[in-house]
């Protein structure tokens, strides 16, 4: 992948590059354990986060806010993410996925099934 292709990919996934770089700089400043947790959340979201670039950037920034505050307060990581980190991240995604492709496809599926069901005779 060329550098130009990488730049386009990053813009699609994370939106504004300046905001992304600022987010990454903030994460680098976290204590090691908190940074490891945020990196893991980021990695998961890059694979499974159904959102557009601007929503993704906002989500990442809010994760950074959350972990910065937790580190400052000495809040244990498990108190932040709970016992099921996947559920924690999925809950975050549900709050930020407006306009994302997964939401559009879910809506498309529901609408298609509704149309198909309306065309069938009732029993």
Protein backbone atom coordinates (compact mmCIF):
# COMPACT_ATOMS: atom_id res chain seq x y z
CA UNK A 1 0.00 0.00 0.00
CA UNK A 2 1.46 3.36 -1.00
CA UNK A 3 1.70 6.28 1.42
CA UNK A 4 -1.13 8.01 -0.47
CA UNK A 5 -3.32 4.91 -0.09
CA UNK A 6 -2.48 4.72 3.62
CA UNK A 7 -3.47 8.35 4.10
CA UNK A 8 -6.83 7.76 2.42
CA UNK A 9 -7.41 4.63 4.50
CA UNK A 10 -6.59 6.45 7.73
CA UNK A 11 -8.94 9.30 6.81
CA UNK A 12 -11.77 6.85 6.16
CA UNK A 13 -11.18 4.93 9.38
CA UNK A 14 -10.27 7.69 11.81
CA UNK A 15 -11.36 10.93 10.15
CA UNK A 16 -9.30 14.04 10.80
CA UNK A 17 -5.59 13.12 10.85
CA UNK A 18 -4.72 16.00 13.18
CA UNK A 19 -7.22 14.79 15.77
CA UNK A 20 -5.91 11.24 15.35
CA UNK A 21 -2.31 12.33 15.97
CA UNK A 22 -3.40 14.30 19.05
CA UNK A 23 -5.26 11.26 20.36
CA UNK A 24 -2.21 9.04 19.80
CA UNK A 25 0.02 11.54 21.63
CA UNK A 26 -2.38 11.52 24.58
CA UNK A 27 -2.37 7.72 24.71
CA UNK A 28 1.44 7.67 24.71
CA UNK A 29 1.35 9.77 27.88
CA UNK A 30 -0.75 7.26 29.81
CA UNK A 31 0.85 4.98 32.41
CA UNK A 32 1.90 1.67 30.77
CA UNK A 33 -1.03 -0.48 31.97
CA UNK A 34 -3.62 2.08 30.95
CA UNK A 35 -1.86 2.58 27.60
CA UNK A 36 -1.91 -1.19 27.04
CA UNK A 37 -5.65 -1.27 27.73
CA UNK A 38 -6.35 1.66 25.38
CA UNK A 39 -4.18 0.10 22.66
CA UNK A 40 -6.17 -3.14 22.98
CA UNK A 41 -9.47 -1.25 22.74
CA UNK A 42 -8.17 0.66 19.72
CA UNK A 43 -7.04 -2.54 18.00
CA UNK A 44 -10.44 -4.15 18.59
CA UNK A 45 -12.26 -1.08 17.30
CA UNK A 46 -10.13 -0.96 14.17
CA UNK A 47 -11.39 -4.45 13.33
CA UNK A 48 -14.93 -4.36 14.66
CA UNK A 49 -15.91 -0.72 15.17
CA UNK A 50 -18.81 -0.06 12.81
CA UNK A 51 -18.53 3.67 12.37
CA UNK A 52 -17.44 6.43 10.07
CA UNK A 53 -14.19 8.34 10.53
CA UNK A 54 -15.57 11.25 12.54
CA UNK A 55 -17.49 8.99 14.91
CA UNK A 56 -14.41 6.82 15.33
CA UNK A 57 -12.22 9.79 16.16
CA UNK A 58 -14.74 11.05 18.71
CA UNK A 59 -14.94 7.60 20.26
CA UNK A 60 -11.15 7.27 20.50
CA UNK A 61 -10.89 10.74 22.05
CA UNK A 62 -13.52 9.84 24.63
CA UNK A 63 -11.68 6.60 25.45
CA UNK A 64 -8.53 8.67 25.97
CA UNK A 65 -10.49 11.06 28.24
CA UNK A 66 -11.85 8.16 30.25
CA UNK A 67 -8.47 6.49 30.73
CA UNK A 68 -6.67 9.77 31.47
CA UNK A 69 -9.17 10.52 34.22
CA UNK A 70 -9.01 6.95 35.54
CA UNK A 71 -5.20 7.07 35.63
CA UNK A 72 -5.29 10.41 37.45
CA UNK A 73 -7.78 9.03 39.99
CA UNK A 74 -6.00 5.68 40.32
CA UNK A 75 -9.11 3.82 39.15
CA UNK A 76 -8.26 0.17 38.36
CA UNK A 77 -8.69 -0.85 34.73
CA UNK A 78 -11.25 -3.54 35.65
CA UNK A 79 -13.41 -0.84 37.24
CA UNK A 80 -13.42 0.93 33.90
CA UNK A 81 -14.06 -1.97 31.55
CA UNK A 82 -15.66 -4.48 33.91
CA UNK A 83 -15.24 -8.22 33.66
CA UNK A 84 -16.20 -8.34 29.97
CA UNK A 85 -14.07 -5.91 27.94
CA UNK A 86 -15.87 -6.90 24.74
CA UNK A 87 -19.22 -5.84 26.19
CA UNK A 88 -17.62 -2.60 27.39
CA UNK A 89 -16.37 -1.80 23.89
CA UNK A 90 -19.60 -2.93 22.23
CA UNK A 91 -21.52 -0.55 24.53
CA UNK A 92 -19.19 2.27 23.47
CA UNK A 93 -19.72 1.44 19.81
CA UNK A 94 -23.50 1.50 20.20
CA UNK A 95 -23.19 5.12 21.35
CA UNK A 96 -21.00 6.20 18.43
CA UNK A 97 -22.11 4.21 15.43
CA UNK A 98 -24.72 6.62 14.11
CA UNK A 99 -24.26 6.77 10.37
CA UNK A 100 -21.92 3.82 10.33
CA UNK A 101 -22.18 1.13 7.71
CA UNK A 102 -23.35 -1.52 10.19
CA UNK A 103 -26.30 0.62 11.27
CA UNK A 104 -27.22 1.26 7.64
CA UNK A 105 -27.03 -2.43 6.83
CA UNK A 106 -29.09 -3.36 9.89
CA UNK A 107 -31.74 -0.86 8.83
CA UNK A 108 -31.63 -2.17 5.26
CA UNK A 109 -32.09 -5.75 6.53
CA UNK A 110 -35.04 -4.81 8.76
CA UNK A 111 -36.71 -2.85 5.94
CA UNK A 112 -36.23 -5.67 3.43
CA UNK A 113 -37.72 -8.24 5.80
CA UNK A 114 -40.63 -5.91 6.58
CA UNK A 115 -41.34 -5.48 2.85
CA UNK A 116 -41.08 -9.20 2.21
CA UNK A 117 -43.36 -10.03 5.14
CA UNK A 118 -45.99 -7.49 4.03
CA UNK A 119 -46.22 -9.19 0.65
CA UNK A 120 -47.04 -12.59 2.14
CA UNK A 121 -50.61 -13.64 2.81
CA UNK A 122 -51.57 -13.95 6.48
CA UNK A 123 -52.26 -17.42 7.87
